[in-house]
Amino acid sequence: MAPSMRFMDLALNEARLAGQRGEVPIGAIAVKDGTVIARAGNETRALNDVTAHAEILAIRRAASHMGQERLNDVDLYVTLEPCAMCAAAISFARIRRLYYGAEDEKGGGVHHGARFYSQPTCHHAPDVYAGIGEKEAAALLKQFFTEKR
């Protein structure tokens, strides 16, 4: 199994756990030198915090682990295309590579919507790899929202 899919499988597991907690099933994994240094699933409801997206939490935990706010050599695996807020945080943290699963035509901020990394005010854009584990990530979200309705 390719390393990118191995790490995306871990992010998908975090998404499943988030869904089991009643959170929107999105997961994120931060990786440095082939080692997972942080993991998270959405916790917006648990923390009553609209910023507690999986990406933000994984970035916070990775920064804490490394003892610094700049994560130059860190790759981030996320099950859904990051929103504009998360895309900005990824940029500000100087994440090296972003791998994401499902596209988010409505709320995405990377290839849809704000297209944060294409803006002239963006100082750092990670290398972006889309569609890793896309089918499973999309299925998790579809099932979650089908059950909620």
N, C-alpha and C. Protein backbone atom coordinates (compact mmCIF):
# COMPACT_ATOMS: atom_id res chain seq x y z
N MET A 1 0.85 -1.18 0.00
CA MET A 1 0.00 0.00 0.00
C MET A 1 0.89 1.24 0.00
N ALA A 2 0.56 2.19 -0.85
CA ALA A 2 1.32 3.43 -0.94
C ALA A 2 1.24 4.19 0.38
N PRO A 3 2.32 4.87 0.78
CA PRO A 3 2.30 5.61 2.04
C PRO A 3 1.14 6.59 2.12
N SER A 4 0.82 7.28 1.01
CA SER A 4 -0.26 8.26 1.07
C SER A 4 -1.58 7.60 1.40
N MET A 5 -1.84 6.39 0.88
CA MET A 5 -3.10 5.71 1.21
C MET A 5 -3.07 5.18 2.63
N ARG A 6 -1.90 4.75 3.08
CA ARG A 6 -1.80 4.26 4.47
C ARG A 6 -2.15 5.38 5.45
N PHE A 7 -1.64 6.57 5.22
CA PHE A 7 -1.94 7.68 6.11
C PHE A 7 -3.39 8.16 5.93
N MET A 8 -3.90 8.11 4.70
CA MET A 8 -5.29 8.49 4.50
C MET A 8 -6.22 7.51 5.19
N ASP A 9 -5.85 6.23 5.24
CA ASP A 9 -6.66 5.26 5.98
C ASP A 9 -6.74 5.64 7.46
N LEU A 10 -5.66 6.16 8.02
CA LEU A 10 -5.68 6.62 9.40
C LEU A 10 -6.59 7.83 9.56
N ALA A 11 -6.56 8.73 8.59
CA ALA A 11 -7.45 9.90 8.63
C ALA A 11 -8.90 9.45 8.51
N LEU A 12 -9.17 8.46 7.65
CA LEU A 12 -10.54 7.94 7.52
C LEU A 12 -11.01 7.32 8.83
N ASN A 13 -10.11 6.67 9.55
CA ASN A 13 -10.48 6.12 10.86
C ASN A 13 -10.85 7.25 11.83
N GLU A 14 -10.08 8.33 11.82
CA GLU A 14 -10.42 9.49 12.67
C GLU A 14 -11.79 10.05 12.28
N ALA A 15 -12.09 10.05 10.98
CA ALA A 15 -13.39 10.53 10.52
C ALA A 15 -14.51 9.62 11.03
N ARG A 16 -14.30 8.31 10.97
CA ARG A 16 -15.30 7.36 11.49
C ARG A 16 -15.55 7.60 12.97
N LEU A 17 -14.48 7.79 13.73
CA LEU A 17 -14.62 8.03 15.17
C LEU A 17 -15.38 9.33 15.43
N ALA A 18 -15.11 10.36 14.63
CA ALA A 18 -15.84 11.62 14.77
C ALA A 18 -17.32 11.40 14.52
N GLY A 19 -17.64 10.66 13.47
CA GLY A 19 -19.03 10.37 13.16
C GLY A 19 -19.73 9.61 14.27
N GLN A 20 -19.02 8.68 14.90
CA GLN A 20 -19.59 7.93 16.03
C GLN A 20 -19.88 8.83 17.22
N ARG A 21 -19.15 9.95 17.32
CA ARG A 21 -19.39 10.91 18.41
C ARG A 21 -20.47 11.92 18.04
N GLY A 22 -21.04 11.80 16.83
CA GLY A 22 -22.06 12.73 16.38
C GLY A 22 -21.50 13.95 15.68
N GLU A 23 -20.21 13.95 15.43
CA GLU A 23 -19.56 15.05 14.71
C GLU A 23 -19.59 14.75 13.21
N VAL A 24 -19.50 15.77 12.39
CA VAL A 24 -19.36 15.54 10.96
C VAL A 24 -18.09 14.72 10.76
N PRO A 25 -18.19 13.58 10.04
CA PRO A 25 -17.05 12.66 9.96
C PRO A 25 -15.93 13.13 9.03
N ILE A 26 -15.08 13.95 9.59
CA ILE A 26 -13.88 14.41 8.89
C ILE A 26 -12.69 14.14 9.81
N GLY A 27 -11.64 13.59 9.22
CA GLY A 27 -10.45 13.27 10.00
C GLY A 27 -9.20 13.85 9.36
N ALA A 28 -8.18 14.04 10.19
CA ALA A 28 -6.91 14.59 9.71
C ALA A 28 -5.75 13.92 10.46
N ILE A 29 -4.66 13.74 9.73
CA ILE A 29 -3.44 13.15 10.27
C ILE A 29 -2.27 14.04 9.85
N ALA A 30 -1.40 14.39 10.78
CA ALA A 30 -0.18 15.14 10.48
C ALA A 30 1.00 14.17 10.54
N VAL A 31 1.84 14.22 9.51
CA VAL A 31 2.94 13.26 9.38
C VAL A 31 4.25 14.01 9.16
N LYS A 32 5.27 13.61 9.90
CA LYS A 32 6.62 14.17 9.73
C LYS A 32 7.59 13.01 9.61
N ASP A 33 8.37 13.01 8.56
CA ASP A 33 9.37 11.97 8.34
C ASP A 33 8.77 10.56 8.42
N GLY A 34 7.57 10.39 7.88
CA GLY A 34 6.94 9.08 7.85
C GLY A 34 6.30 8.65 9.14
N THR A 35 6.25 9.53 10.15
CA THR A 35 5.68 9.21 11.45
C THR A 35 4.50 10.12 11.74
N VAL A 36 3.42 9.52 12.21
CA VAL A 36 2.25 10.32 12.59
C VAL A 36 2.59 11.08 13.87
N ILE A 37 2.47 12.41 13.82
CA ILE A 37 2.75 13.22 15.01
C ILE A 37 1.49 13.83 15.60
N ALA A 38 0.37 13.77 14.86
CA ALA A 38 -0.89 14.29 15.39
C ALA A 38 -2.04 13.70 14.59
N ARG A 39 -3.17 13.56 15.26
CA ARG A 39 -4.37 13.04 14.62
C ARG A 39 -5.57 13.72 15.25
N ALA A 40 -6.62 13.85 14.46
CA ALA A 40 -7.83 14.49 14.99
C ALA A 40 -9.02 14.21 14.08
N GLY A 41 -10.17 14.27 14.69
CA GLY A 41 -11.43 14.28 13.97
C GLY A 41 -12.15 15.54 14.39
N ASN A 42 -13.17 15.91 13.66
CA ASN A 42 -13.93 17.10 14.03
C ASN A 42 -14.38 17.02 15.49
N GLU A 43 -14.32 18.15 16.19
CA GLU A 43 -14.78 18.23 17.58
C GLU A 43 -15.57 19.53 17.82
N THR A 44 -16.21 20.04 16.79
CA THR A 44 -16.92 21.31 16.94
C THR A 44 -18.04 21.23 17.97
N ARG A 45 -18.77 20.13 17.99
CA ARG A 45 -19.86 19.97 18.96
C ARG A 45 -19.33 19.70 20.36
N ALA A 46 -18.37 18.82 20.46
CA ALA A 46 -17.82 18.46 21.77
C ALA A 46 -17.21 19.65 22.48
N LEU A 47 -16.56 20.52 21.71
CA LEU A 47 -15.86 21.67 22.30
C LEU A 47 -16.66 22.97 22.20
N ASN A 48 -17.85 22.89 21.58
CA ASN A 48 -18.63 24.11 21.33
C ASN A 48 -17.75 25.18 20.71
N ASP A 49 -17.04 24.77 19.66
CA ASP A 49 -16.04 25.62 19.02
C ASP A 49 -16.12 25.43 17.52
N VAL A 50 -16.60 26.45 16.80
CA VAL A 50 -16.75 26.33 15.35
C VAL A 50 -15.40 26.18 14.64
N THR A 51 -14.30 26.49 15.31
CA THR A 51 -12.98 26.33 14.70
C THR A 51 -12.37 24.96 14.95
N ALA A 52 -13.04 24.09 15.66
CA ALA A 52 -12.48 22.78 16.01
C ALA A 52 -12.65 21.76 14.88
N HIS A 53 -12.27 22.18 13.67
CA HIS A 53 -12.25 21.27 12.54
C HIS A 53 -11.06 20.33 12.71
N ALA A 54 -11.14 19.17 12.09
CA ALA A 54 -10.08 18.17 12.20
C ALA A 54 -8.71 18.75 11.82
N GLU A 55 -8.68 19.55 10.76
CA GLU A 55 -7.41 20.11 10.30
C GLU A 55 -6.80 21.04 11.35
N ILE A 56 -7.62 21.91 11.90
CA ILE A 56 -7.14 22.87 12.91
C ILE A 56 -6.60 22.13 14.13
N LEU A 57 -7.36 21.13 14.59
CA LEU A 57 -6.92 20.38 15.76
C LEU A 57 -5.63 19.61 15.48
N ALA A 58 -5.52 19.02 14.30
CA ALA A 58 -4.29 18.30 13.96
C ALA A 58 -3.11 19.26 13.88
N ILE A 59 -3.33 20.44 13.33
CA ILE A 59 -2.26 21.44 13.26
C ILE A 59 -1.85 21.87 14.67
N ARG A 60 -2.81 22.14 15.52
CA ARG A 60 -2.50 22.55 16.90
C ARG A 60 -1.70 21.47 17.61
N ARG A 61 -2.12 20.22 17.45
CA ARG A 61 -1.43 19.12 18.13
C ARG A 61 -0.04 18.89 17.55
N ALA A 62 0.11 19.03 16.24
CA ALA A 62 1.43 18.87 15.62
C ALA A 62 2.37 19.98 16.08
N ALA A 63 1.86 21.21 16.13
CA ALA A 63 2.68 22.33 16.60
C ALA A 63 3.10 22.12 18.05
N SER A 64 2.19 21.63 18.86
CA SER A 64 2.52 21.35 20.26
C SER A 64 3.58 20.25 20.34
N HIS A 65 3.40 19.22 19.56
CA HIS A 65 4.36 18.11 19.53
C HIS A 65 5.75 18.59 19.15
N MET A 66 5.81 19.48 18.15
CA MET A 66 7.10 19.97 17.65
C MET A 66 7.63 21.16 18.44
N GLY A 67 6.79 21.78 19.26
CA GLY A 67 7.22 22.93 20.03
C GLY A 67 7.44 24.17 19.19
N GLN A 68 6.71 24.28 18.09
CA GLN A 68 6.83 25.45 17.22
C GLN A 68 5.58 25.57 16.36
N GLU A 69 5.32 26.78 15.88
CA GLU A 69 4.12 27.01 15.08
C GLU A 69 4.33 26.73 13.59
N ARG A 70 5.54 26.71 13.12
CA ARG A 70 5.83 26.45 11.71
C ARG A 70 6.06 24.96 11.51
N LEU A 71 5.31 24.40 10.59
CA LEU A 71 5.35 22.95 10.35
C LEU A 71 5.86 22.67 8.94
N ASN A 72 7.02 23.23 8.62
CA ASN A 72 7.58 23.18 7.27
C ASN A 72 7.73 21.77 6.69
N ASP A 73 8.09 20.81 7.49
CA ASP A 73 8.35 19.46 7.01
C ASP A 73 7.21 18.49 7.32
N VAL A 74 6.02 19.03 7.51
CA VAL A 74 4.87 18.22 7.89
C VAL A 74 3.91 18.10 6.71
N ASP A 75 3.38 16.90 6.53
CA ASP A 75 2.34 16.64 5.54
C ASP A 75 1.03 16.42 6.28
N LEU A 76 -0.05 16.91 5.70
CA LEU A 76 -1.38 16.79 6.33
C LEU A 76 -2.29 15.99 5.42
N TYR A 77 -2.92 14.97 5.98
CA TYR A 77 -3.89 14.12 5.28
C TYR A 77 -5.26 14.42 5.86
N VAL A 78 -6.20 14.81 5.00
CA VAL A 78 -7.55 15.20 5.44
C VAL A 78 -8.55 14.49 4.55
N THR A 79 -9.64 14.04 5.13
CA THR A 79 -10.62 13.27 4.37
C THR A 79 -11.49 14.11 3.45
N LEU A 80 -11.59 15.41 3.69
CA LEU A 80 -12.40 16.30 2.87
C LEU A 80 -11.60 17.54 2.52
N GLU A 81 -11.82 18.07 1.33
CA GLU A 81 -11.18 19.31 0.92
C GLU A 81 -11.35 20.36 2.01
N PRO A 82 -10.28 20.94 2.50
CA PRO A 82 -10.38 21.94 3.57
C PRO A 82 -11.20 23.17 3.16
N CYS A 83 -11.92 23.71 4.13
CA CYS A 83 -12.64 24.96 3.93
C CYS A 83 -11.62 26.10 3.88
N ALA A 84 -12.11 27.31 3.62
CA ALA A 84 -11.20 28.46 3.53
C ALA A 84 -10.45 28.70 4.84
N MET A 85 -11.13 28.53 5.98
CA MET A 85 -10.48 28.73 7.28
C MET A 85 -9.33 27.75 7.46
N CYS A 86 -9.58 26.48 7.15
CA CYS A 86 -8.56 25.46 7.32
C CYS A 86 -7.45 25.61 6.28
N ALA A 87 -7.81 25.99 5.05
CA ALA A 87 -6.79 26.23 4.03
C ALA A 87 -5.85 27.34 4.49
N ALA A 88 -6.40 28.38 5.09
CA ALA A 88 -5.58 29.48 5.59
C ALA A 88 -4.67 28.98 6.71
N ALA A 89 -5.20 28.21 7.64
CA ALA A 89 -4.39 27.69 8.75
C ALA A 89 -3.25 26.81 8.22
N ILE A 90 -3.54 26.00 7.21
CA ILE A 90 -2.53 25.14 6.60
C ILE A 90 -1.42 26.01 6.00
N SER A 91 -1.82 27.09 5.34
CA SER A 91 -0.85 28.01 4.76
C SER A 91 -0.02 28.69 5.84
N PHE A 92 -0.68 29.21 6.87
CA PHE A 92 0.03 29.93 7.93
C PHE A 92 0.99 29.02 8.69
N ALA A 93 0.62 27.74 8.82
CA ALA A 93 1.49 26.77 9.50
C ALA A 93 2.64 26.30 8.61
N ARG A 94 2.58 26.66 7.35
CA ARG A 94 3.60 26.29 6.36
C ARG A 94 3.67 24.77 6.14
N ILE A 95 2.50 24.12 6.19
CA ILE A 95 2.43 22.68 5.90
C ILE A 95 3.05 22.44 4.52
N ARG A 96 3.87 21.41 4.42
CA ARG A 96 4.58 21.12 3.17
C ARG A 96 3.66 20.56 2.09
N ARG A 97 2.89 19.51 2.46
CA ARG A 97 2.01 18.86 1.49
C ARG A 97 0.64 18.63 2.11
N LEU A 98 -0.39 18.84 1.30
CA LEU A 98 -1.76 18.57 1.71
C LEU A 98 -2.31 17.47 0.81
N TYR A 99 -2.77 16.40 1.43
CA TYR A 99 -3.45 15.32 0.73
C TYR A 99 -4.90 15.34 1.22
N TYR A 100 -5.84 15.36 0.30
CA TYR A 100 -7.23 15.27 0.76
C TYR A 100 -8.03 14.29 -0.07
N GLY A 101 -9.11 13.80 0.53
CA GLY A 101 -9.95 12.79 -0.09
C GLY A 101 -11.02 13.39 -0.99
N ALA A 102 -12.21 13.56 -0.43
CA ALA A 102 -13.36 14.04 -1.21
C ALA A 102 -13.29 15.53 -1.46
N GLU A 103 -13.77 15.92 -2.62
CA GLU A 103 -13.89 17.35 -2.92
C GLU A 103 -15.13 17.89 -2.22
N ASP A 104 -15.10 19.19 -1.94
CA ASP A 104 -16.24 19.85 -1.31
C ASP A 104 -16.63 21.05 -2.17
N GLU A 105 -17.52 20.80 -3.11
CA GLU A 105 -17.92 21.85 -4.05
C GLU A 105 -18.62 23.01 -3.35
N LYS A 106 -19.28 22.73 -2.25
CA LYS A 106 -20.02 23.78 -1.53
C LYS A 106 -19.14 24.56 -0.56
N GLY A 107 -18.33 23.88 0.22
CA GLY A 107 -17.58 24.55 1.28
C GLY A 107 -16.08 24.51 1.15
N GLY A 108 -15.58 23.90 0.10
CA GLY A 108 -14.13 23.77 -0.05
C GLY A 108 -13.46 25.11 -0.30
N GLY A 109 -12.21 25.20 0.11
CA GLY A 109 -11.46 26.44 -0.06
C GLY A 109 -10.15 26.26 -0.80
N VAL A 110 -9.94 25.05 -1.36
CA VAL A 110 -8.69 24.77 -2.06
C VAL A 110 -8.91 24.79 -3.57
N HIS A 111 -9.74 23.87 -4.06
CA HIS A 111 -10.06 23.82 -5.49
C HIS A 111 -11.44 24.37 -5.79
N HIS A 112 -12.17 24.73 -4.78
CA HIS A 112 -13.51 25.30 -4.93
C HIS A 112 -13.58 26.58 -4.10
N GLY A 113 -14.67 27.30 -4.22
CA GLY A 113 -14.88 28.48 -3.38
C GLY A 113 -13.75 29.48 -3.45
N ALA A 114 -13.19 29.79 -2.30
CA ALA A 114 -12.17 30.83 -2.18
C ALA A 114 -10.87 30.51 -2.91
N ARG A 115 -10.59 29.23 -3.14
CA ARG A 115 -9.32 28.83 -3.77
C ARG A 115 -8.15 29.59 -3.14
N PHE A 116 -8.06 29.40 -1.84
CA PHE A 116 -7.14 30.19 -1.01
C PHE A 116 -5.71 30.24 -1.55
N TYR A 117 -5.20 29.11 -2.01
CA TYR A 117 -3.80 29.07 -2.42
C TYR A 117 -3.55 29.79 -3.75
N SER A 118 -4.60 30.14 -4.46
CA SER A 118 -4.48 30.88 -5.72
C SER A 118 -4.55 32.38 -5.53
N GLN A 119 -4.81 32.82 -4.31
CA GLN A 119 -4.96 34.25 -4.05
C GLN A 119 -3.59 34.93 -3.97
N PRO A 120 -3.50 36.16 -4.47
CA PRO A 120 -2.21 36.87 -4.41
C PRO A 120 -1.76 37.16 -2.98
N THR A 121 -2.67 37.13 -2.03
CA THR A 121 -2.31 37.40 -0.63
C THR A 121 -1.83 36.14 0.10
N CYS A 122 -1.85 35.00 -0.57
CA CYS A 122 -1.39 33.75 0.04
C CYS A 122 0.14 33.71 -0.03
N HIS A 123 0.78 33.63 1.13
CA HIS A 123 2.24 33.65 1.19
C HIS A 123 2.86 32.26 1.07
N HIS A 124 2.10 31.22 1.38
CA HIS A 124 2.62 29.86 1.27
C HIS A 124 1.50 28.94 0.80
N ALA A 125 1.77 28.20 -0.23
CA ALA A 125 0.83 27.19 -0.72
C ALA A 125 1.51 25.83 -0.64
N PRO A 126 0.87 24.88 0.04
CA PRO A 126 1.44 23.54 0.08
C PRO A 126 1.29 22.86 -1.28
N ASP A 127 2.04 21.81 -1.50
CA ASP A 127 1.77 20.95 -2.64
C ASP A 127 0.47 20.24 -2.31
N VAL A 128 -0.47 20.20 -3.25
CA VAL A 128 -1.80 19.64 -2.99
C VAL A 128 -2.02 18.40 -3.85
N TYR A 129 -2.49 17.33 -3.20
CA TYR A 129 -2.82 16.08 -3.87
C TYR A 129 -4.25 15.72 -3.49
N ALA A 130 -5.15 15.77 -4.46
CA ALA A 130 -6.57 15.54 -4.20
C ALA A 130 -6.98 14.14 -4.63
N GLY A 131 -8.08 13.67 -4.06
CA GLY A 131 -8.68 12.41 -4.48
C GLY A 131 -8.11 11.17 -3.83
N ILE A 132 -7.30 11.30 -2.79
CA ILE A 132 -6.74 10.14 -2.09
C ILE A 132 -7.82 9.59 -1.16
N GLY A 133 -8.31 8.39 -1.42
CA GLY A 133 -9.38 7.81 -0.61
C GLY A 133 -10.72 8.52 -0.79
N GLU A 134 -10.89 9.13 -1.95
CA GLU A 134 -12.06 9.97 -2.20
C GLU A 134 -13.39 9.23 -2.04
N LYS A 135 -13.50 8.03 -2.59
CA LYS A 135 -14.78 7.31 -2.55
C LYS A 135 -15.20 7.00 -1.11
N GLU A 136 -14.28 6.51 -0.31
CA GLU A 136 -14.62 6.16 1.07
C GLU A 136 -14.94 7.40 1.89
N ALA A 137 -14.18 8.47 1.69
CA ALA A 137 -14.43 9.72 2.41
C ALA A 137 -15.81 10.27 2.07
N ALA A 138 -16.14 10.28 0.79
CA ALA A 138 -17.44 10.78 0.35
C ALA A 138 -18.57 9.91 0.88
N ALA A 139 -18.36 8.59 0.89
CA ALA A 139 -19.38 7.66 1.39
C ALA A 139 -19.65 7.88 2.88
N LEU A 140 -18.60 8.13 3.66
CA LEU A 140 -18.79 8.40 5.09
C LEU A 140 -19.67 9.63 5.31
N LEU A 141 -19.39 10.68 4.56
CA LEU A 141 -20.16 11.92 4.70
C LEU A 141 -21.60 11.72 4.23
N LYS A 142 -21.78 11.04 3.12
CA LYS A 142 -23.13 10.80 2.59
C LYS A 142 -23.96 10.00 3.58
N GLN A 143 -23.39 8.94 4.11
CA GLN A 143 -24.09 8.10 5.08
C GLN A 143 -24.46 8.90 6.33
N PHE A 144 -23.53 9.70 6.82
CA PHE A 144 -23.76 10.51 8.02
C PHE A 144 -24.94 11.45 7.82
N PHE A 145 -24.95 12.17 6.71
CA PHE A 145 -26.02 13.14 6.49
C PHE A 145 -27.34 12.48 6.12
N THR A 146 -27.29 11.31 5.49
CA THR A 146 -28.51 10.56 5.21
C THR A 146 -29.18 10.13 6.52
N GLU A 147 -28.37 9.67 7.47
CA GLU A 147 -28.90 9.25 8.77
C GLU A 147 -29.42 10.42 9.59
N LYS A 148 -28.84 11.61 9.38
CA LYS A 148 -29.28 12.80 10.14
C LYS A 148 -30.62 13.33 9.65
N ARG A 149 -30.93 13.08 8.38
CA ARG A 149 -32.17 13.63 7.78
C ARG A 149 -33.34 12.77 8.04
